[in-house]
Amino acid sequence: AAGADFLIFGSDRVPEGLSRRAHAAGLVTDERRIAQVYASADVMVVPSRSENLPLTVLESLACGTPVVAFRIGGIPDLIEHQVNGYLAEPFDTEDLARGIAWVLEDPERHARLRAAARAKAEREYEITHIARRYLALYEELLHR
């Protein structure tokens, strides 16, 4: 997007050729600052070629930020296509770009995506919910 600013965190350098409007935040370790970075973003882009169940995607959703990523590994367990983000066909960078534009082009849709992102994190990944699921699994195993 011509008018977009990019914030890269986890690295101290901007990949060559990305943009003059890209900024490297370096390694961000403070939990409050991480949440601020996610929440201030309009979209989180995860162009990974291989992932299991990436914590960065879950953190982004928990902060109400829609995610655009390739439909690989465990990512579809987190992102519901066109509900809380966009799942691009694996390694199709044009589809990834279409997903970014789709998330950003309609302010009303963007607001719905943000709400759905947060709701997914609360509904399926809230800590007490996860603890209950583990407890149920352990109890089931004990009774076998």
N, C-alpha and C. Protein backbone atom coordinates (compact mmCIF):
# COMPACT_ATOMS: atom_id res chain seq x y z
N ALA A 1 0.84 -1.18 0.00
CA ALA A 1 0.00 0.00 0.00
C ALA A 1 0.88 1.23 0.00
N ALA A 2 0.65 2.12 -0.92
CA ALA A 2 1.51 3.29 -1.10
C ALA A 2 1.53 4.19 0.13
N GLY A 3 0.40 4.34 0.82
CA GLY A 3 0.34 5.22 1.97
C GLY A 3 0.58 4.52 3.29
N ALA A 4 1.01 3.27 3.25
CA ALA A 4 1.15 2.48 4.48
C ALA A 4 2.50 2.68 5.12
N ASP A 5 2.49 2.65 6.44
CA ASP A 5 3.72 2.57 7.21
C ASP A 5 3.83 1.14 7.71
N PHE A 6 5.04 0.64 7.79
CA PHE A 6 5.29 -0.72 8.23
C PHE A 6 6.12 -0.69 9.51
N LEU A 7 5.74 -1.49 10.48
CA LEU A 7 6.52 -1.63 11.70
C LEU A 7 6.92 -3.09 11.81
N ILE A 8 8.21 -3.32 11.86
CA ILE A 8 8.75 -4.67 11.97
C ILE A 8 9.28 -4.82 13.37
N PHE A 9 8.79 -5.81 14.10
CA PHE A 9 9.38 -6.01 15.41
C PHE A 9 9.94 -7.41 15.50
N GLY A 10 10.96 -7.55 16.34
CA GLY A 10 11.71 -8.80 16.43
C GLY A 10 13.03 -8.69 15.69
N SER A 11 13.23 -7.60 14.98
CA SER A 11 14.45 -7.40 14.21
C SER A 11 14.86 -5.93 14.30
N ASP A 12 16.15 -5.69 14.20
CA ASP A 12 16.68 -4.32 14.23
C ASP A 12 16.88 -3.75 12.84
N ARG A 13 16.53 -4.52 11.81
CA ARG A 13 16.76 -4.01 10.46
C ARG A 13 15.52 -4.16 9.59
N VAL A 14 15.41 -3.25 8.65
CA VAL A 14 14.34 -3.28 7.66
C VAL A 14 14.86 -4.06 6.46
N PRO A 15 14.12 -5.06 5.99
CA PRO A 15 14.58 -5.80 4.81
C PRO A 15 14.78 -4.86 3.63
N GLU A 16 15.83 -5.11 2.89
CA GLU A 16 16.18 -4.27 1.75
C GLU A 16 15.03 -4.20 0.74
N GLY A 17 14.74 -3.00 0.27
CA GLY A 17 13.74 -2.80 -0.76
C GLY A 17 12.31 -2.75 -0.26
N LEU A 18 12.10 -2.85 1.06
CA LEU A 18 10.72 -2.87 1.56
C LEU A 18 10.07 -1.50 1.37
N SER A 19 10.62 -0.50 2.01
CA SER A 19 10.01 0.82 1.91
C SER A 19 10.81 1.80 2.73
N ARG A 20 10.74 3.06 2.32
CA ARG A 20 11.33 4.10 3.17
C ARG A 20 10.41 4.37 4.36
N ARG A 21 9.19 3.85 4.32
CA ARG A 21 8.23 4.07 5.41
C ARG A 21 8.14 2.84 6.30
N ALA A 22 9.23 2.10 6.36
CA ALA A 22 9.28 0.92 7.24
C ALA A 22 10.21 1.24 8.40
N HIS A 23 9.84 0.77 9.57
CA HIS A 23 10.61 1.04 10.79
C HIS A 23 10.84 -0.27 11.52
N ALA A 24 12.05 -0.48 12.00
CA ALA A 24 12.37 -1.69 12.76
C ALA A 24 12.35 -1.33 14.24
N ALA A 25 11.49 -2.00 14.99
CA ALA A 25 11.35 -1.74 16.43
C ALA A 25 12.31 -2.58 17.26
N GLY A 26 12.99 -3.53 16.64
CA GLY A 26 13.88 -4.39 17.38
C GLY A 26 13.10 -5.41 18.19
N LEU A 27 13.78 -6.01 19.14
CA LEU A 27 13.14 -7.00 19.99
C LEU A 27 12.32 -6.29 21.06
N VAL A 28 11.04 -6.58 21.10
CA VAL A 28 10.14 -5.98 22.08
C VAL A 28 9.79 -7.08 23.08
N THR A 29 10.16 -6.88 24.35
CA THR A 29 9.96 -7.94 25.34
C THR A 29 8.95 -7.56 26.43
N ASP A 30 8.70 -6.28 26.62
CA ASP A 30 7.75 -5.86 27.63
C ASP A 30 6.33 -6.18 27.16
N GLU A 31 5.57 -6.94 27.96
CA GLU A 31 4.24 -7.39 27.55
C GLU A 31 3.29 -6.23 27.24
N ARG A 32 3.36 -5.19 28.01
CA ARG A 32 2.47 -4.03 27.75
C ARG A 32 2.83 -3.37 26.42
N ARG A 33 4.11 -3.25 26.16
CA ARG A 33 4.56 -2.63 24.90
C ARG A 33 4.17 -3.51 23.71
N ILE A 34 4.31 -4.83 23.87
CA ILE A 34 3.91 -5.74 22.80
C ILE A 34 2.43 -5.56 22.49
N ALA A 35 1.60 -5.51 23.53
CA ALA A 35 0.16 -5.32 23.34
C ALA A 35 -0.12 -3.99 22.65
N GLN A 36 0.62 -2.94 23.01
CA GLN A 36 0.43 -1.63 22.37
C GLN A 36 0.78 -1.69 20.88
N VAL A 37 1.85 -2.41 20.56
CA VAL A 37 2.26 -2.52 19.16
C VAL A 37 1.18 -3.24 18.36
N TYR A 38 0.71 -4.37 18.86
CA TYR A 38 -0.35 -5.10 18.15
C TYR A 38 -1.61 -4.25 18.02
N ALA A 39 -2.06 -3.67 19.12
CA ALA A 39 -3.31 -2.92 19.12
C ALA A 39 -3.25 -1.68 18.24
N SER A 40 -2.08 -1.10 18.07
CA SER A 40 -1.97 0.11 17.25
C SER A 40 -1.91 -0.21 15.76
N ALA A 41 -1.68 -1.46 15.43
CA ALA A 41 -1.60 -1.85 14.02
C ALA A 41 -3.00 -2.02 13.42
N ASP A 42 -3.13 -1.74 12.15
CA ASP A 42 -4.38 -1.97 11.43
C ASP A 42 -4.48 -3.42 10.96
N VAL A 43 -3.35 -4.03 10.72
CA VAL A 43 -3.29 -5.42 10.27
C VAL A 43 -1.93 -6.00 10.64
N MET A 44 -1.92 -7.28 10.97
CA MET A 44 -0.68 -8.01 11.22
C MET A 44 -0.49 -8.94 10.03
N VAL A 45 0.68 -8.92 9.43
CA VAL A 45 0.96 -9.78 8.28
C VAL A 45 1.99 -10.81 8.70
N VAL A 46 1.64 -12.08 8.48
CA VAL A 46 2.53 -13.19 8.85
C VAL A 46 2.81 -13.99 7.56
N PRO A 47 3.90 -13.64 6.86
CA PRO A 47 4.19 -14.29 5.59
C PRO A 47 5.03 -15.57 5.73
N SER A 48 4.92 -16.23 6.87
CA SER A 48 5.73 -17.43 7.13
C SER A 48 5.41 -18.54 6.14
N ARG A 49 6.43 -19.30 5.82
CA ARG A 49 6.27 -20.44 4.93
C ARG A 49 6.00 -21.72 5.71
N SER A 50 6.26 -21.69 7.01
CA SER A 50 6.05 -22.87 7.85
C SER A 50 5.73 -22.41 9.26
N GLU A 51 4.62 -22.87 9.80
CA GLU A 51 4.20 -22.50 11.16
C GLU A 51 3.39 -23.64 11.75
N ASN A 52 3.40 -23.72 13.06
CA ASN A 52 2.55 -24.68 13.75
C ASN A 52 1.31 -23.93 14.23
N LEU A 53 1.37 -23.34 15.40
CA LEU A 53 0.29 -22.51 15.94
C LEU A 53 0.98 -21.26 16.48
N PRO A 54 1.25 -20.30 15.62
CA PRO A 54 2.11 -19.17 15.99
C PRO A 54 1.51 -18.26 17.06
N LEU A 55 2.26 -18.06 18.11
CA LEU A 55 1.84 -17.20 19.21
C LEU A 55 1.63 -15.76 18.73
N THR A 56 2.41 -15.31 17.76
CA THR A 56 2.25 -13.94 17.27
C THR A 56 0.86 -13.72 16.69
N VAL A 57 0.32 -14.72 16.01
CA VAL A 57 -1.03 -14.60 15.45
C VAL A 57 -2.05 -14.51 16.59
N LEU A 58 -1.91 -15.39 17.58
CA LEU A 58 -2.83 -15.38 18.71
C LEU A 58 -2.74 -14.07 19.48
N GLU A 59 -1.53 -13.56 19.69
CA GLU A 59 -1.36 -12.29 20.39
C GLU A 59 -2.02 -11.15 19.62
N SER A 60 -1.86 -11.15 18.32
CA SER A 60 -2.47 -10.11 17.49
C SER A 60 -3.99 -10.16 17.60
N LEU A 61 -4.57 -11.35 17.48
CA LEU A 61 -6.01 -11.50 17.60
C LEU A 61 -6.49 -11.03 18.97
N ALA A 62 -5.76 -11.39 20.02
CA ALA A 62 -6.14 -11.01 21.38
C ALA A 62 -6.15 -9.49 21.56
N CYS A 63 -5.35 -8.80 20.77
CA CYS A 63 -5.31 -7.34 20.83
C CYS A 63 -6.28 -6.70 19.83
N GLY A 64 -7.09 -7.53 19.18
CA GLY A 64 -8.09 -7.01 18.26
C GLY A 64 -7.54 -6.59 16.91
N THR A 65 -6.43 -7.17 16.52
CA THR A 65 -5.83 -6.81 15.23
C THR A 65 -5.97 -7.98 14.27
N PRO A 66 -6.67 -7.79 13.14
CA PRO A 66 -6.83 -8.86 12.17
C PRO A 66 -5.48 -9.28 11.59
N VAL A 67 -5.41 -10.54 11.15
CA VAL A 67 -4.17 -11.10 10.65
C VAL A 67 -4.35 -11.60 9.22
N VAL A 68 -3.35 -11.33 8.39
CA VAL A 68 -3.28 -11.86 7.04
C VAL A 68 -2.08 -12.78 6.99
N ALA A 69 -2.32 -14.02 6.56
CA ALA A 69 -1.25 -15.01 6.53
C ALA A 69 -1.56 -16.07 5.48
N PHE A 70 -0.57 -16.90 5.19
CA PHE A 70 -0.79 -18.01 4.29
C PHE A 70 -1.57 -19.11 5.01
N ARG A 71 -2.40 -19.83 4.28
CA ARG A 71 -3.19 -20.95 4.79
C ARG A 71 -2.26 -22.17 4.92
N ILE A 72 -1.46 -22.18 6.01
CA ILE A 72 -0.51 -23.27 6.24
C ILE A 72 -0.54 -23.69 7.70
N GLY A 73 -0.08 -24.90 7.97
CA GLY A 73 0.09 -25.39 9.34
C GLY A 73 -1.12 -25.15 10.20
N GLY A 74 -0.89 -24.63 11.41
CA GLY A 74 -1.97 -24.38 12.36
C GLY A 74 -2.60 -23.01 12.23
N ILE A 75 -2.15 -22.21 11.28
CA ILE A 75 -2.70 -20.85 11.13
C ILE A 75 -4.21 -20.86 10.87
N PRO A 76 -4.75 -21.78 10.07
CA PRO A 76 -6.21 -21.79 9.88
C PRO A 76 -6.99 -22.13 11.15
N ASP A 77 -6.34 -22.67 12.17
CA ASP A 77 -7.01 -22.89 13.46
C ASP A 77 -7.24 -21.56 14.18
N LEU A 78 -6.45 -20.57 13.85
CA LEU A 78 -6.54 -19.26 14.49
C LEU A 78 -7.30 -18.24 13.65
N ILE A 79 -7.02 -18.23 12.36
CA ILE A 79 -7.64 -17.25 11.47
C ILE A 79 -8.82 -17.89 10.76
N GLU A 80 -9.98 -17.27 10.91
CA GLU A 80 -11.17 -17.68 10.16
C GLU A 80 -11.23 -16.74 8.96
N HIS A 81 -11.08 -17.33 7.77
CA HIS A 81 -10.97 -16.54 6.54
C HIS A 81 -12.12 -15.55 6.40
N GLN A 82 -11.77 -14.30 6.26
CA GLN A 82 -12.68 -13.17 6.08
C GLN A 82 -13.64 -12.99 7.26
N VAL A 83 -13.27 -13.52 8.42
CA VAL A 83 -14.03 -13.30 9.65
C VAL A 83 -13.18 -12.50 10.63
N ASN A 84 -11.94 -12.97 10.89
CA ASN A 84 -11.04 -12.25 11.78
C ASN A 84 -9.69 -11.98 11.10
N GLY A 85 -9.65 -12.22 9.81
CA GLY A 85 -8.43 -12.03 9.04
C GLY A 85 -8.61 -12.57 7.64
N TYR A 86 -7.49 -12.88 7.02
CA TYR A 86 -7.52 -13.35 5.64
C TYR A 86 -6.48 -14.44 5.48
N LEU A 87 -6.89 -15.58 4.91
CA LEU A 87 -5.98 -16.68 4.64
C LEU A 87 -5.67 -16.72 3.15
N ALA A 88 -4.43 -16.39 2.82
CA ALA A 88 -4.00 -16.41 1.43
C ALA A 88 -3.57 -17.82 1.04
N GLU A 89 -3.71 -18.12 -0.24
CA GLU A 89 -3.24 -19.41 -0.72
C GLU A 89 -1.72 -19.48 -0.48
N PRO A 90 -1.26 -20.65 -0.05
CA PRO A 90 0.16 -20.78 0.31
C PRO A 90 1.11 -20.25 -0.76
N PHE A 91 1.93 -19.32 -0.29
CA PHE A 91 3.06 -18.76 -1.03
C PHE A 91 2.66 -17.93 -2.25
N ASP A 92 1.38 -17.59 -2.35
CA ASP A 92 0.89 -16.72 -3.42
C ASP A 92 0.95 -15.29 -2.88
N THR A 93 2.05 -14.61 -3.18
CA THR A 93 2.26 -13.27 -2.62
C THR A 93 1.23 -12.27 -3.14
N GLU A 94 0.71 -12.49 -4.34
CA GLU A 94 -0.34 -11.60 -4.85
C GLU A 94 -1.62 -11.77 -4.02
N ASP A 95 -1.94 -13.00 -3.63
CA ASP A 95 -3.10 -13.23 -2.78
C ASP A 95 -2.87 -12.64 -1.40
N LEU A 96 -1.66 -12.74 -0.90
CA LEU A 96 -1.32 -12.13 0.40
C LEU A 96 -1.56 -10.62 0.32
N ALA A 97 -1.10 -9.99 -0.76
CA ALA A 97 -1.31 -8.55 -0.96
C ALA A 97 -2.80 -8.23 -1.08
N ARG A 98 -3.57 -9.08 -1.80
CA ARG A 98 -5.02 -8.87 -1.89
C ARG A 98 -5.65 -8.93 -0.50
N GLY A 99 -5.16 -9.84 0.33
CA GLY A 99 -5.69 -9.97 1.69
C GLY A 99 -5.44 -8.72 2.52
N ILE A 100 -4.26 -8.16 2.41
CA ILE A 100 -3.94 -6.93 3.14
C ILE A 100 -4.88 -5.82 2.69
N ALA A 101 -5.03 -5.67 1.38
CA ALA A 101 -5.93 -4.63 0.85
C ALA A 101 -7.37 -4.88 1.30
N TRP A 102 -7.81 -6.14 1.27
CA TRP A 102 -9.18 -6.48 1.66
C TRP A 102 -9.44 -6.09 3.11
N VAL A 103 -8.48 -6.36 3.98
CA VAL A 103 -8.63 -6.00 5.40
C VAL A 103 -8.73 -4.50 5.58
N LEU A 104 -7.96 -3.74 4.82
CA LEU A 104 -7.83 -2.30 5.05
C LEU A 104 -8.81 -1.43 4.28
N GLU A 105 -9.38 -1.91 3.18
CA GLU A 105 -10.10 -1.02 2.27
C GLU A 105 -11.48 -0.56 2.74
N ASP A 106 -12.10 -1.27 3.66
CA ASP A 106 -13.46 -0.93 4.09
C ASP A 106 -13.47 -0.73 5.60
N PRO A 107 -13.63 0.52 6.08
CA PRO A 107 -13.57 0.78 7.52
C PRO A 107 -14.60 0.00 8.35
N GLU A 108 -15.81 -0.19 7.83
CA GLU A 108 -16.81 -0.95 8.58
C GLU A 108 -16.41 -2.41 8.69
N ARG A 109 -15.92 -2.99 7.58
CA ARG A 109 -15.45 -4.37 7.61
C ARG A 109 -14.26 -4.50 8.56
N HIS A 110 -13.37 -3.51 8.51
CA HIS A 110 -12.20 -3.54 9.38
C HIS A 110 -12.62 -3.57 10.85
N ALA A 111 -13.62 -2.78 11.21
CA ALA A 111 -14.11 -2.78 12.59
C ALA A 111 -14.69 -4.14 12.97
N ARG A 112 -15.42 -4.78 12.03
CA ARG A 112 -15.96 -6.13 12.29
C ARG A 112 -14.84 -7.15 12.46
N LEU A 113 -13.82 -7.05 11.63
CA LEU A 113 -12.67 -7.96 11.73
C LEU A 113 -11.98 -7.80 13.07
N ARG A 114 -11.81 -6.56 13.53
CA ARG A 114 -11.18 -6.30 14.83
C ARG A 114 -11.99 -6.95 15.96
N ALA A 115 -13.29 -6.74 15.93
CA ALA A 115 -14.15 -7.31 16.98
C ALA A 115 -14.11 -8.83 16.94
N ALA A 116 -14.14 -9.41 15.74
CA ALA A 116 -14.10 -10.87 15.61
C ALA A 116 -12.75 -11.44 16.04
N ALA A 117 -11.68 -10.69 15.80
CA ALA A 117 -10.36 -11.14 16.23
C ALA A 117 -10.31 -11.27 17.75
N ARG A 118 -10.73 -10.24 18.42
CA ARG A 118 -10.75 -10.25 19.89
C ARG A 118 -11.68 -11.34 20.42
N ALA A 119 -12.86 -11.47 19.82
CA ALA A 119 -13.84 -12.45 20.27
C ALA A 119 -13.29 -13.87 20.13
N LYS A 120 -12.59 -14.16 19.05
CA LYS A 120 -12.00 -15.50 18.85
C LYS A 120 -11.00 -15.80 19.95
N ALA A 121 -10.15 -14.85 20.26
CA ALA A 121 -9.14 -15.06 21.31
C ALA A 121 -9.81 -15.30 22.66
N GLU A 122 -10.81 -14.51 22.97
CA GLU A 122 -11.51 -14.67 24.25
C GLU A 122 -12.28 -15.98 24.31
N ARG A 123 -12.94 -16.33 23.23
CA ARG A 123 -13.80 -17.52 23.20
C ARG A 123 -13.00 -18.83 23.25
N GLU A 124 -11.87 -18.87 22.54
CA GLU A 124 -11.18 -20.15 22.39
C GLU A 124 -9.83 -20.23 23.09
N TYR A 125 -9.24 -19.11 23.46
CA TYR A 125 -7.87 -19.15 23.98
C TYR A 125 -7.69 -18.43 25.31
N GLU A 126 -8.78 -18.00 25.94
CA GLU A 126 -8.68 -17.37 27.25
C GLU A 126 -8.14 -18.41 28.24
N ILE A 127 -7.28 -18.00 29.16
CA ILE A 127 -6.51 -18.92 30.00
C ILE A 127 -7.38 -19.86 30.83
N THR A 128 -8.48 -19.39 31.41
CA THR A 128 -9.30 -20.31 32.21
C THR A 128 -9.99 -21.33 31.31
N HIS A 129 -10.35 -20.93 30.10
CA HIS A 129 -10.95 -21.87 29.15
C HIS A 129 -9.94 -22.97 28.80
N ILE A 130 -8.72 -22.58 28.52
CA ILE A 130 -7.67 -23.55 28.19
C ILE A 130 -7.42 -24.46 29.39
N ALA A 131 -7.36 -23.90 30.60
CA ALA A 131 -7.14 -24.72 31.80
C ALA A 131 -8.26 -25.75 31.97
N ARG A 132 -9.50 -25.34 31.73
CA ARG A 132 -10.63 -26.28 31.83
C ARG A 132 -10.51 -27.40 30.81
N ARG A 133 -10.07 -27.06 29.62
CA ARG A 133 -9.90 -28.09 28.58
C ARG A 133 -8.81 -29.08 28.97
N TYR A 134 -7.71 -28.60 29.54
CA TYR A 134 -6.65 -29.50 30.00
C TYR A 134 -7.16 -30.38 31.14
N LEU A 135 -7.88 -29.78 32.07
CA LEU A 135 -8.42 -30.55 33.20
C LEU A 135 -9.36 -31.65 32.70
N ALA A 136 -10.23 -31.33 31.76
CA ALA A 136 -11.14 -32.33 31.20
C ALA A 136 -10.36 -33.45 30.52
N LEU A 137 -9.31 -33.10 29.80
CA LEU A 137 -8.48 -34.12 29.14
C LEU A 137 -7.82 -35.02 30.18
N TYR A 138 -7.22 -34.42 31.22
CA TYR A 138 -6.56 -35.21 32.26
C TYR A 138 -7.55 -36.13 32.97
N GLU A 139 -8.75 -35.62 33.26
CA GLU A 139 -9.76 -36.44 33.93
C GLU A 139 -10.19 -37.60 33.02
N GLU A 140 -10.35 -37.32 31.74
CA GLU A 140 -10.70 -38.38 30.79
C GLU A 140 -9.62 -39.45 30.75
N LEU A 141 -8.36 -39.03 30.73
CA LEU A 141 -7.26 -40.00 30.69
C LEU A 141 -7.19 -40.83 31.98
N LEU A 142 -7.47 -40.20 33.10
CA LEU A 142 -7.45 -40.92 34.37
C LEU A 142 -8.53 -41.99 34.47
N HIS A 143 -9.65 -41.75 33.81
CA HIS A 143 -10.77 -42.69 33.88
C HIS A 143 -10.72 -43.78 32.83
N ARG A 144 -9.72 -43.79 32.00
CA ARG A 144 -9.58 -44.84 30.97
C ARG A 144 -8.99 -46.09 31.56
